[in-house]
Amino acid sequence: MRKATFSSLVFAFLTSISLATAAAPSIKPETPAPITTQMTKAEQTSKVSLNSADAETLRRDLFGIGAAKAKAIIAYRETNGPFTAIDELLEVKGIGKALLEKNRARLEVN
């Protein structure tokens, strides 16, 4: 009888601990906000000028543009004069329609 009572108490105790642990709210680590939401409004709305931006600005502010493509854009600008339209960027070696469309909203010709 004592053994059965003791076993019942231990079972009840372990069950209550198990339920308390399962019912406790789990603490989730705070997920960082995406970079785009961390950027200030001015950074999101500023456009890159194809005619005056340096290679570092082109590389940093445009999607899919690395150092080589940034230098190619500047070389094209120096050889052919200033850009007259954003679509003229398609004439630069290594820049296709998809890359232009990704960056169209970030570009300006002034």
PDB file of N, CA and C in Angstrom:
ATOM      1  N   MET A   1       0.820  -1.178   0.000  1.00  0.00           N
ATOM      2  CA  MET A   1       0.000   0.000   0.000  1.00  0.00           C
ATOM      3  C   MET A   1       0.873   1.256   0.000  1.00  0.00           C
ATOM      4  N   ARG A   2       1.891   1.251   0.860  1.00  0.00           N
ATOM      5  CA  ARG A   2       2.789   2.407   0.916  1.00  0.00           C
ATOM      6  C   ARG A   2       3.500   2.598  -0.412  1.00  0.00           C
ATOM      7  N   LYS A   3       3.889   1.507  -1.019  1.00  0.00           N
ATOM      8  CA  LYS A   3       4.607   1.578  -2.276  1.00  0.00           C
ATOM      9  C   LYS A   3       3.707   2.156  -3.375  1.00  0.00           C
ATOM     10  N   ALA A   4       2.475   1.764  -3.414  1.00  0.00           N
ATOM     11  CA  ALA A   4       1.525   2.259  -4.404  1.00  0.00           C
ATOM     12  C   ALA A   4       1.240   3.741  -4.184  1.00  0.00           C
ATOM     13  N   THR A   5       1.102   4.159  -2.928  1.00  0.00           N
ATOM     14  CA  THR A   5       0.851   5.568  -2.619  1.00  0.00           C
ATOM     15  C   THR A   5       2.058   6.414  -3.002  1.00  0.00           C
ATOM     16  N   PHE A   6       3.239   5.940  -2.670  1.00  0.00           N
ATOM     17  CA  PHE A   6       4.462   6.673  -3.004  1.00  0.00           C
ATOM     18  C   PHE A   6       4.609   6.788  -4.523  1.00  0.00           C
ATOM     19  N   SER A   7       4.354   5.715  -5.229  1.00  0.00           N
ATOM     20  CA  SER A   7       4.444   5.728  -6.695  1.00  0.00           C
ATOM     21  C   SER A   7       3.422   6.700  -7.281  1.00  0.00           C
ATOM     22  N   SER A   8       2.232   6.751  -6.730  1.00  0.00           N
ATOM     23  CA  SER A   8       1.203   7.676  -7.211  1.00  0.00           C
ATOM     24  C   SER A   8       1.617   9.115  -6.982  1.00  0.00           C
ATOM     25  N   LEU A   9       2.218   9.399  -5.820  1.00  0.00           N
ATOM     26  CA  LEU A   9       2.680  10.758  -5.521  1.00  0.00           C
ATOM     27  C   LEU A   9       3.812  11.175  -6.463  1.00  0.00           C
ATOM     28  N   VAL A  10       4.753  10.293  -6.687  1.00  0.00           N
ATOM     29  CA  VAL A  10       5.870  10.602  -7.593  1.00  0.00           C
ATOM     30  C   VAL A  10       5.334  10.834  -9.005  1.00  0.00           C
ATOM     31  N   PHE A  11       4.409  10.003  -9.440  1.00  0.00           N
ATOM     32  CA  PHE A  11       3.810  10.158 -10.762  1.00  0.00           C
ATOM     33  C   PHE A  11       3.076  11.498 -10.885  1.00  0.00           C
ATOM     34  N   ALA A  12       2.315  11.851  -9.860  1.00  0.00           N
ATOM     35  CA  ALA A  12       1.575  13.112  -9.861  1.00  0.00           C
ATOM     36  C   ALA A  12       2.539  14.299  -9.885  1.00  0.00           C
ATOM     37  N   PHE A  13       3.613  14.215  -9.118  1.00  0.00           N
ATOM     38  CA  PHE A  13       4.608  15.276  -9.062  1.00  0.00           C
ATOM     39  C   PHE A  13       5.290  15.456 -10.426  1.00  0.00           C
ATOM     40  N   LEU A  14       5.734  14.365 -11.014  1.00  0.00           N
ATOM     41  CA  LEU A  14       6.401  14.439 -12.315  1.00  0.00           C
ATOM     42  C   LEU A  14       5.456  14.929 -13.410  1.00  0.00           C
ATOM     43  N   THR A  15       4.206  14.520 -13.348  1.00  0.00           N
ATOM     44  CA  THR A  15       3.215  14.972 -14.326  1.00  0.00           C
ATOM     45  C   THR A  15       2.978  16.471 -14.202  1.00  0.00           C
ATOM     46  N   SER A  16       2.886  16.981 -12.980  1.00  0.00           N
ATOM     47  CA  SER A  16       2.650  18.412 -12.796  1.00  0.00           C
ATOM     48  C   SER A  16       3.854  19.224 -13.267  1.00  0.00           C
ATOM     49  N   ILE A  17       5.055  18.729 -13.052  1.00  0.00           N
ATOM     50  CA  ILE A  17       6.253  19.427 -13.549  1.00  0.00           C
ATOM     51  C   ILE A  17       6.252  19.428 -15.074  1.00  0.00           C
ATOM     52  N   SER A  18       5.905  18.300 -15.643  1.00  0.00           N
ATOM     53  CA  SER A  18       5.866  18.176 -17.097  1.00  0.00           C
ATOM     54  C   SER A  18       4.848  19.143 -17.704  1.00  0.00           C
ATOM     55  N   LEU A  19       3.673  19.234 -17.114  1.00  0.00           N
ATOM     56  CA  LEU A  19       2.639  20.133 -17.621  1.00  0.00           C
ATOM     57  C   LEU A  19       3.029  21.590 -17.434  1.00  0.00           C
ATOM     58  N   ALA A  20       3.653  21.910 -16.319  1.00  0.00           N
ATOM     59  CA  ALA A  20       4.064  23.289 -16.067  1.00  0.00           C
ATOM     60  C   ALA A  20       5.130  23.718 -17.066  1.00  0.00           C
ATOM     61  N   THR A  21       6.023  22.817 -17.402  1.00  0.00           N
ATOM     62  CA  THR A  21       7.078  23.136 -18.362  1.00  0.00           C
ATOM     63  C   THR A  21       6.503  23.301 -19.762  1.00  0.00           C
ATOM     64  N   ALA A  22       5.574  22.436 -20.127  1.00  0.00           N
ATOM     65  CA  ALA A  22       4.977  22.511 -21.457  1.00  0.00           C
ATOM     66  C   ALA A  22       4.080  23.737 -21.598  1.00  0.00           C
ATOM     67  N   ALA A  23       3.437  24.164 -20.531  1.00  0.00           N
ATOM     68  CA  ALA A  23       2.514  25.298 -20.588  1.00  0.00           C
ATOM     69  C   ALA A  23       3.232  26.637 -20.466  1.00  0.00           C
ATOM     70  N   ALA A  24       4.477  26.622 -20.003  1.00  0.00           N
ATOM     71  CA  ALA A  24       5.218  27.876 -19.828  1.00  0.00           C
ATOM     72  C   ALA A  24       5.508  28.488 -21.196  1.00  0.00           C
ATOM     73  N   PRO A  25       5.383  29.809 -21.299  1.00  0.00           N
ATOM     74  CA  PRO A  25       5.672  30.441 -22.590  1.00  0.00           C
ATOM     75  C   PRO A  25       7.160  30.312 -22.912  1.00  0.00           C
ATOM     76  N   SER A  26       7.426  29.970 -24.139  1.00  0.00           N
ATOM     77  CA  SER A  26       8.824  29.839 -24.535  1.00  0.00           C
ATOM     78  C   SER A  26       9.372  31.222 -24.870  1.00  0.00           C
ATOM     79  N   ILE A  27      10.595  31.432 -24.550  1.00  0.00           N
ATOM     80  CA  ILE A  27      11.247  32.711 -24.824  1.00  0.00           C
ATOM     81  C   ILE A  27      11.939  32.585 -26.168  1.00  0.00           C
ATOM     82  N   LYS A  28      11.480  33.382 -27.129  1.00  0.00           N
ATOM     83  CA  LYS A  28      12.055  33.349 -28.456  1.00  0.00           C
ATOM     84  C   LYS A  28      13.033  34.506 -28.586  1.00  0.00           C
ATOM     85  N   PRO A  29      14.175  34.250 -29.193  1.00  0.00           N
ATOM     86  CA  PRO A  29      15.108  35.361 -29.394  1.00  0.00           C
ATOM     87  C   PRO A  29      14.503  36.372 -30.366  1.00  0.00           C
ATOM     88  N   GLU A  30      14.804  37.618 -30.125  1.00  0.00           N
ATOM     89  CA  GLU A  30      14.278  38.671 -30.981  1.00  0.00           C
ATOM     90  C   GLU A  30      14.965  38.607 -32.330  1.00  0.00           C
ATOM     91  N   THR A  31      14.174  38.507 -33.370  1.00  0.00           N
ATOM     92  CA  THR A  31      14.752  38.456 -34.704  1.00  0.00           C
ATOM     93  C   THR A  31      15.070  39.873 -35.161  1.00  0.00           C
ATOM     94  N   PRO A  32      16.242  40.060 -35.755  1.00  0.00           N
ATOM     95  CA  PRO A  32      16.593  41.400 -36.204  1.00  0.00           C
ATOM     96  C   PRO A  32      15.716  41.827 -37.373  1.00  0.00           C
ATOM     97  N   ALA A  33      15.480  43.104 -37.443  1.00  0.00           N
ATOM     98  CA  ALA A  33      14.671  43.646 -38.532  1.00  0.00           C
ATOM     99  C   ALA A  33      15.465  43.562 -39.828  1.00  0.00           C
ATOM    100  N   PRO A  34      14.797  43.376 -40.952  1.00  0.00           N
ATOM    101  CA  PRO A  34      15.514  43.352 -42.228  1.00  0.00           C
ATOM    102  C   PRO A  34      16.254  44.662 -42.454  1.00  0.00           C
ATOM    103  N   ILE A  35      17.310  44.584 -43.215  1.00  0.00           N
ATOM    104  CA  ILE A  35      18.141  45.759 -43.462  1.00  0.00           C
ATOM    105  C   ILE A  35      17.335  46.874 -44.102  1.00  0.00           C
ATOM    106  N   THR A  36      16.399  46.516 -44.958  1.00  0.00           N
ATOM    107  CA  THR A  36      15.627  47.558 -45.635  1.00  0.00           C
ATOM    108  C   THR A  36      14.786  48.366 -44.663  1.00  0.00           C
ATOM    109  N   THR A  37      14.337  47.755 -43.558  1.00  0.00           N
ATOM    110  CA  THR A  37      13.566  48.518 -42.587  1.00  0.00           C
ATOM    111  C   THR A  37      14.474  49.305 -41.659  1.00  0.00           C
ATOM    112  N   GLN A  38      15.734  48.927 -41.575  1.00  0.00           N
ATOM    113  CA  GLN A  38      16.670  49.652 -40.730  1.00  0.00           C
ATOM    114  C   GLN A  38      17.176  50.916 -41.417  1.00  0.00           C
ATOM    115  N   MET A  39      17.086  50.948 -42.747  1.00  0.00           N
ATOM    116  CA  MET A  39      17.560  52.108 -43.478  1.00  0.00           C
ATOM    117  C   MET A  39      16.629  53.285 -43.233  1.00  0.00           C
ATOM    118  N   THR A  40      17.190  54.450 -43.169  1.00  0.00           N
ATOM    119  CA  THR A  40      16.367  55.636 -42.975  1.00  0.00           C
ATOM    120  C   THR A  40      15.600  55.940 -44.253  1.00  0.00           C
ATOM    121  N   LYS A  41      14.591  56.759 -44.137  1.00  0.00           N
ATOM    122  CA  LYS A  41      13.765  57.115 -45.288  1.00  0.00           C
ATOM    123  C   LYS A  41      14.608  57.792 -46.367  1.00  0.00           C
ATOM    124  N   ALA A  42      15.552  58.626 -45.973  1.00  0.00           N
ATOM    125  CA  ALA A  42      16.390  59.327 -46.947  1.00  0.00           C
ATOM    126  C   ALA A  42      17.242  58.340 -47.739  1.00  0.00           C
ATOM    127  N   GLU A  43      17.737  57.303 -47.090  1.00  0.00           N
ATOM    128  CA  GLU A  43      18.569  56.319 -47.774  1.00  0.00           C
ATOM    129  C   GLU A  43      17.738  55.519 -48.772  1.00  0.00           C
ATOM    130  N   GLN A  44      16.470  55.258 -48.460  1.00  0.00           N
ATOM    131  CA  GLN A  44      15.628  54.469 -49.331  1.00  0.00           C
ATOM    132  C   GLN A  44      15.187  55.262 -50.554  1.00  0.00           C
ATOM    133  N   THR A  45      15.043  56.567 -50.432  1.00  0.00           N
ATOM    134  CA  THR A  45      14.531  57.355 -51.535  1.00  0.00           C
ATOM    135  C   THR A  45      15.637  58.002 -52.355  1.00  0.00           C
ATOM    136  N   SER A  46      16.873  58.008 -51.885  1.00  0.00           N
ATOM    137  CA  SER A  46      17.936  58.635 -52.647  1.00  0.00           C
ATOM    138  C   SER A  46      18.247  57.794 -53.873  1.00  0.00           C
ATOM    139  N   LYS A  47      18.450  58.461 -54.977  1.00  0.00           N
ATOM    140  CA  LYS A  47      18.728  57.781 -56.233  1.00  0.00           C
ATOM    141  C   LYS A  47      20.189  57.969 -56.603  1.00  0.00           C
ATOM    142  N   VAL A  48      20.678  57.050 -57.402  1.00  0.00           N
ATOM    143  CA  VAL A  48      22.062  57.084 -57.859  1.00  0.00           C
ATOM    144  C   VAL A  48      22.092  57.719 -59.240  1.00  0.00           C
ATOM    145  N   SER A  49      22.897  58.738 -59.379  1.00  0.00           N
ATOM    146  CA  SER A  49      23.023  59.406 -60.670  1.00  0.00           C
ATOM    147  C   SER A  49      24.034  58.656 -61.524  1.00  0.00           C
ATOM    148  N   LEU A  50      23.605  58.222 -62.688  1.00  0.00           N
ATOM    149  CA  LEU A  50      24.509  57.510 -63.594  1.00  0.00           C
ATOM    150  C   LEU A  50      25.625  58.405 -64.117  1.00  0.00           C
ATOM    151  N   ASN A  51      25.392  59.713 -64.143  1.00  0.00           N
ATOM    152  CA  ASN A  51      26.377  60.624 -64.719  1.00  0.00           C
ATOM    153  C   ASN A  51      27.368  61.190 -63.711  1.00  0.00           C
ATOM    154  N   SER A  52      27.102  61.051 -62.418  1.00  0.00           N
ATOM    155  CA  SER A  52      28.026  61.643 -61.459  1.00  0.00           C
ATOM    156  C   SER A  52      28.508  60.682 -60.370  1.00  0.00           C
ATOM    157  N   ALA A  53      27.913  59.499 -60.253  1.00  0.00           N
ATOM    158  CA  ALA A  53      28.294  58.566 -59.189  1.00  0.00           C
ATOM    159  C   ALA A  53      29.659  57.954 -59.479  1.00  0.00           C
ATOM    160  N   ASP A  54      30.436  57.798 -58.421  1.00  0.00           N
ATOM    161  CA  ASP A  54      31.729  57.129 -58.568  1.00  0.00           C
ATOM    162  C   ASP A  54      31.537  55.617 -58.475  1.00  0.00           C
ATOM    163  N   ALA A  55      32.606  54.869 -58.713  1.00  0.00           N
ATOM    164  CA  ALA A  55      32.522  53.402 -58.754  1.00  0.00           C
ATOM    165  C   ALA A  55      32.064  52.832 -57.419  1.00  0.00           C
ATOM    166  N   GLU A  56      32.528  53.386 -56.329  1.00  0.00           N
ATOM    167  CA  GLU A  56      32.148  52.871 -55.002  1.00  0.00           C
ATOM    168  C   GLU A  56      30.651  53.075 -54.750  1.00  0.00           C
ATOM    169  N   THR A  57      30.123  54.215 -55.128  1.00  0.00           N
ATOM    170  CA  THR A  57      28.691  54.476 -54.948  1.00  0.00           C
ATOM    171  C   THR A  57      27.858  53.530 -55.805  1.00  0.00           C
ATOM    172  N   LEU A  58      28.251  53.306 -57.030  1.00  0.00           N
ATOM    173  CA  LEU A  58      27.530  52.382 -57.904  1.00  0.00           C
ATOM    174  C   LEU A  58      27.548  50.975 -57.322  1.00  0.00           C
ATOM    175  N   ARG A  59      28.703  50.546 -56.838  1.00  0.00           N
ATOM    176  CA  ARG A  59      28.845  49.203 -56.287  1.00  0.00           C
ATOM    177  C   ARG A  59      28.020  49.038 -55.016  1.00  0.00           C
ATOM    178  N   ARG A  60      28.051  50.037 -54.175  1.00  0.00           N
ATOM    179  CA  ARG A  60      27.382  49.961 -52.877  1.00  0.00           C
ATOM    180  C   ARG A  60      25.865  50.102 -52.979  1.00  0.00           C
ATOM    181  N   ASP A  61      25.377  50.956 -53.845  1.00  0.00           N
ATOM    182  CA  ASP A  61      23.957  51.297 -53.845  1.00  0.00           C
ATOM    183  C   ASP A  61      23.106  50.552 -54.874  1.00  0.00           C
ATOM    184  N   LEU A  62      23.718  49.819 -55.772  1.00  0.00           N
ATOM    185  CA  LEU A  62      22.957  49.124 -56.796  1.00  0.00           C
ATOM    186  C   LEU A  62      23.063  47.614 -56.607  1.00  0.00           C
ATOM    187  N   PHE A  63      21.969  46.918 -56.882  1.00  0.00           N
ATOM    188  CA  PHE A  63      21.924  45.466 -56.747  1.00  0.00           C
ATOM    189  C   PHE A  63      22.650  44.810 -57.919  1.00  0.00           C
ATOM    190  N   GLY A  64      23.512  43.855 -57.632  1.00  0.00           N
ATOM    191  CA  GLY A  64      24.181  43.080 -58.673  1.00  0.00           C
ATOM    192  C   GLY A  64      25.312  43.793 -59.367  1.00  0.00           C
ATOM    193  N   ILE A  65      25.709  44.945 -58.867  1.00  0.00           N
ATOM    194  CA  ILE A  65      26.812  45.696 -59.461  1.00  0.00           C
ATOM    195  C   ILE A  65      28.028  45.559 -58.548  1.00  0.00           C
ATOM    196  N   GLY A  66      29.047  44.917 -59.073  1.00  0.00           N
ATOM    197  CA  GLY A  66      30.295  44.773 -58.340  1.00  0.00           C
ATOM    198  C   GLY A  66      31.301  45.791 -58.847  1.00  0.00           C
ATOM    199  N   ALA A  67      32.537  45.620 -58.441  1.00  0.00           N
ATOM    200  CA  ALA A  67      33.589  46.566 -58.817  1.00  0.00           C
ATOM    201  C   ALA A  67      33.802  46.599 -60.330  1.00  0.00           C
ATOM    202  N   ALA A  68      33.799  45.431 -60.970  1.00  0.00           N
ATOM    203  CA  ALA A  68      34.060  45.379 -62.417  1.00  0.00           C
ATOM    204  C   ALA A  68      32.953  46.072 -63.214  1.00  0.00           C
ATOM    205  N   LYS A  69      31.703  45.833 -62.875  1.00  0.00           N
ATOM    206  CA  LYS A  69      30.595  46.465 -63.601  1.00  0.00           C
ATOM    207  C   LYS A  69      30.540  47.959 -63.321  1.00  0.00           C
ATOM    208  N   ALA A  70      30.872  48.356 -62.097  1.00  0.00           N
ATOM    209  CA  ALA A  70      30.902  49.785 -61.773  1.00  0.00           C
ATOM    210  C   ALA A  70      31.965  50.492 -62.608  1.00  0.00           C
ATOM    211  N   LYS A  71      33.123  49.864 -62.750  1.00  0.00           N
ATOM    212  CA  LYS A  71      34.191  50.452 -63.583  1.00  0.00           C
ATOM    213  C   LYS A  71      33.772  50.488 -65.049  1.00  0.00           C
ATOM    214  N   ALA A  72      33.033  49.464 -65.492  1.00  0.00           N
ATOM    215  CA  ALA A  72      32.562  49.444 -66.874  1.00  0.00           C
ATOM    216  C   ALA A  72      31.564  50.572 -67.131  1.00  0.00           C
ATOM    217  N   ILE A  73      30.726  50.867 -66.167  1.00  0.00           N
ATOM    218  CA  ILE A  73      29.760  51.970 -66.305  1.00  0.00           C
ATOM    219  C   ILE A  73      30.507  53.291 -66.432  1.00  0.00           C
ATOM    220  N   ILE A  74      31.509  53.480 -65.588  1.00  0.00           N
ATOM    221  CA  ILE A  74      32.280  54.729 -65.635  1.00  0.00           C
ATOM    222  C   ILE A  74      33.072  54.832 -66.928  1.00  0.00           C
ATOM    223  N   ALA A  75      33.647  53.722 -67.376  1.00  0.00           N
ATOM    224  CA  ALA A  75      34.392  53.727 -68.640  1.00  0.00           C
ATOM    225  C   ALA A  75      33.471  54.072 -69.811  1.00  0.00           C
ATOM    226  N   TYR A  76      32.269  53.515 -69.814  1.00  0.00           N
ATOM    227  CA  TYR A  76      31.298  53.822 -70.866  1.00  0.00           C
ATOM    228  C   TYR A  76      30.956  55.309 -70.844  1.00  0.00           C
ATOM    229  N   ARG A  77      30.743  55.837 -69.638  1.00  0.00           N
ATOM    230  CA  ARG A  77      30.394  57.255 -69.479  1.00  0.00           C
ATOM    231  C   ARG A  77      31.518  58.151 -69.984  1.00  0.00           C
ATOM    232  N   GLU A  78      32.768  57.776 -69.693  1.00  0.00           N
ATOM    233  CA  GLU A  78      33.912  58.583 -70.123  1.00  0.00           C
ATOM    234  C   GLU A  78      34.122  58.504 -71.632  1.00  0.00           C
ATOM    235  N   THR A  79      33.825  57.356 -72.215  1.00  0.00           N
ATOM    236  CA  THR A  79      34.015  57.164 -73.654  1.00  0.00           C
ATOM    237  C   THR A  79      32.894  57.792 -74.471  1.00  0.00           C
ATOM    238  N   ASN A  80      31.647  57.606 -74.041  1.00  0.00           N
ATOM    239  CA  ASN A  80      30.487  58.020 -74.833  1.00  0.00           C
ATOM    240  C   ASN A  80      29.801  59.281 -74.332  1.00  0.00           C
ATOM    241  N   GLY A  81      30.285  59.874 -73.291  1.00  0.00           N
ATOM    242  CA  GLY A  81      29.650  61.057 -72.740  1.00  0.00           C
ATOM    243  C   GLY A  81      28.581  60.674 -71.730  1.00  0.00           C
ATOM    244  N   PRO A  82      27.912  61.650 -71.156  1.00  0.00           N
ATOM    245  CA  PRO A  82      26.922  61.361 -70.118  1.00  0.00           C
ATOM    246  C   PRO A  82      25.733  60.558 -70.653  1.00  0.00           C
ATOM    247  N   PHE A  83      25.140  59.795 -69.760  1.00  0.00           N
ATOM    248  CA  PHE A  83      23.943  59.017 -70.101  1.00  0.00           C
ATOM    249  C   PHE A  83      22.788  59.973 -70.355  1.00  0.00           C
ATOM    250  N   THR A  84      22.000  59.683 -71.357  1.00  0.00           N
ATOM    251  CA  THR A  84      20.833  60.507 -71.647  1.00  0.00           C
ATOM    252  C   THR A  84      19.542  59.834 -71.198  1.00  0.00           C
ATOM    253  N   ALA A  85      19.590  58.519 -70.993  1.00  0.00           N
ATOM    254  CA  ALA A  85      18.433  57.763 -70.519  1.00  0.00           C
ATOM    255  C   ALA A  85      18.930  56.567 -69.705  1.00  0.00           C
ATOM    256  N   ILE A  86      18.103  56.122 -68.793  1.00  0.00           N
ATOM    257  CA  ILE A  86      18.471  54.977 -67.956  1.00  0.00           C
ATOM    258  C   ILE A  86      18.624  53.726 -68.812  1.00  0.00           C
ATOM    259  N   ASP A  87      17.820  53.586 -69.868  1.00  0.00           N
ATOM    260  CA  ASP A  87      17.897  52.414 -70.742  1.00  0.00           C
ATOM    261  C   ASP A  87      19.227  52.323 -71.485  1.00  0.00           C
ATOM    262  N   GLU A  88      19.947  53.411 -71.575  1.00  0.00           N
ATOM    263  CA  GLU A  88      21.255  53.408 -72.226  1.00  0.00           C
ATOM    264  C   GLU A  88      22.255  52.544 -71.455  1.00  0.00           C
ATOM    265  N   LEU A  89      21.943  52.267 -70.210  1.00  0.00           N
ATOM    266  CA  LEU A  89      22.793  51.413 -69.381  1.00  0.00           C
ATOM    267  C   LEU A  89      22.905  50.002 -69.968  1.00  0.00           C
ATOM    268  N   LEU A  90      21.938  49.606 -70.775  1.00  0.00           N
ATOM    269  CA  LEU A  90      21.970  48.285 -71.414  1.00  0.00           C
ATOM    270  C   LEU A  90      23.144  48.137 -72.382  1.00  0.00           C
ATOM    271  N   GLU A  91      23.702  49.247 -72.826  1.00  0.00           N
ATOM    272  CA  GLU A  91      24.828  49.200 -73.752  1.00  0.00           C
ATOM    273  C   GLU A  91      26.148  48.897 -73.047  1.00  0.00           C
ATOM    274  N   VAL A  92      26.151  48.961 -71.723  1.00  0.00           N
ATOM    275  CA  VAL A  92      27.360  48.646 -70.950  1.00  0.00           C
ATOM    276  C   VAL A  92      27.499  47.134 -70.888  1.00  0.00           C
ATOM    277  N   LYS A  93      28.701  46.645 -71.187  1.00  0.00           N
ATOM    278  CA  LYS A  93      28.954  45.203 -71.183  1.00  0.00           C
ATOM    279  C   LYS A  93      28.703  44.629 -69.790  1.00  0.00           C
ATOM    280  N   GLY A  94      27.932  43.548 -69.740  1.00  0.00           N
ATOM    281  CA  GLY A  94      27.658  42.864 -68.474  1.00  0.00           C
ATOM    282  C   GLY A  94      26.362  43.289 -67.811  1.00  0.00           C
ATOM    283  N   ILE A  95      25.671  44.255 -68.395  1.00  0.00           N
ATOM    284  CA  ILE A  95      24.404  44.700 -67.806  1.00  0.00           C
ATOM    285  C   ILE A  95      23.274  44.340 -68.757  1.00  0.00           C
ATOM    286  N   GLY A  96      22.367  43.515 -68.264  1.00  0.00           N
ATOM    287  CA  GLY A  96      21.235  43.068 -69.065  1.00  0.00           C
ATOM    288  C   GLY A  96      19.930  43.655 -68.572  1.00  0.00           C
ATOM    289  N   LYS A  97      18.853  43.219 -69.209  1.00  0.00           N
ATOM    290  CA  LYS A  97      17.532  43.750 -68.876  1.00  0.00           C
ATOM    291  C   LYS A  97      17.133  43.461 -67.432  1.00  0.00           C
ATOM    292  N   ALA A  98      17.427  42.245 -66.954  1.00  0.00           N
ATOM    293  CA  ALA A  98      17.033  41.870 -65.590  1.00  0.00           C
ATOM    294  C   ALA A  98      17.738  42.743 -64.560  1.00  0.00           C
ATOM    295  N   LEU A  99      19.019  42.958 -64.763  1.00  0.00           N
ATOM    296  CA  LEU A  99      19.783  43.782 -63.828  1.00  0.00           C
ATOM    297  C   LEU A  99      19.309  45.231 -63.872  1.00  0.00           C
ATOM    298  N   LEU A 100      19.012  45.706 -65.054  1.00  0.00           N
ATOM    299  CA  LEU A 100      18.496  47.073 -65.183  1.00  0.00           C
ATOM    300  C   LEU A 100      17.160  47.219 -64.467  1.00  0.00           C
ATOM    301  N   GLU A 101      16.270  46.255 -64.626  1.00  0.00           N
ATOM    302  CA  GLU A 101      14.955  46.329 -63.984  1.00  0.00           C
ATOM    303  C   GLU A 101      15.055  46.267 -62.462  1.00  0.00           C
ATOM    304  N   LYS A 102      16.012  45.524 -61.936  1.00  0.00           N
ATOM    305  CA  LYS A 102      16.204  45.466 -60.482  1.00  0.00           C
ATOM    306  C   LYS A 102      16.593  46.829 -59.927  1.00  0.00           C
ATOM    307  N   ASN A 103      17.314  47.611 -60.739  1.00  0.00           N
ATOM    308  CA  ASN A 103      17.862  48.875 -60.268  1.00  0.00           C
ATOM    309  C   ASN A 103      17.168  50.110 -60.823  1.00  0.00           C
ATOM    310  N   ARG A 104      16.200  49.936 -61.692  1.00  0.00           N
ATOM    311  CA  ARG A 104      15.582  51.086 -62.367  1.00  0.00           C
ATOM    312  C   ARG A 104      15.070  52.146 -61.381  1.00  0.00           C
ATOM    313  N   ALA A 105      14.423  51.734 -60.312  1.00  0.00           N
ATOM    314  CA  ALA A 105      13.860  52.688 -59.351  1.00  0.00           C
ATOM    315  C   ALA A 105      14.949  53.440 -58.580  1.00  0.00           C
ATOM    316  N   ARG A 106      16.150  52.910 -58.552  1.00  0.00           N
ATOM    317  CA  ARG A 106      17.242  53.535 -57.799  1.00  0.00           C
ATOM    318  C   ARG A 106      18.113  54.438 -58.678  1.00  0.00           C
ATOM    319  N   LEU A 107      17.852  54.464 -59.957  1.00  0.00           N
ATOM    320  CA  LEU A 107      18.706  55.201 -60.893  1.00  0.00           C
ATOM    321  C   LEU A 107      18.052  56.492 -61.363  1.00  0.00           C
ATOM    322  N   GLU A 108      18.912  57.440 -61.693  1.00  0.00           N
ATOM    323  CA  GLU A 108      18.447  58.688 -62.310  1.00  0.00           C
ATOM    324  C   GLU A 108      19.521  59.206 -63.248  1.00  0.00           C
ATOM    325  N   VAL A 109      19.098  59.985 -64.219  1.00  0.00           N
ATOM    326  CA  VAL A 109      19.996  60.626 -65.146  1.00  0.00           C
ATOM    327  C   VAL A 109      19.754  62.117 -64.982  1.00  0.00           C
ATOM    328  N   ASN A 110      20.775  62.843 -64.582  1.00  0.00           N
ATOM    329  CA  ASN A 110      20.579  64.298 -64.387  1.00  0.00           C
ATOM    330  C   ASN A 110      21.558  65.101 -65.177  1.00  0.00           C
TER     331      ASN A 110
END
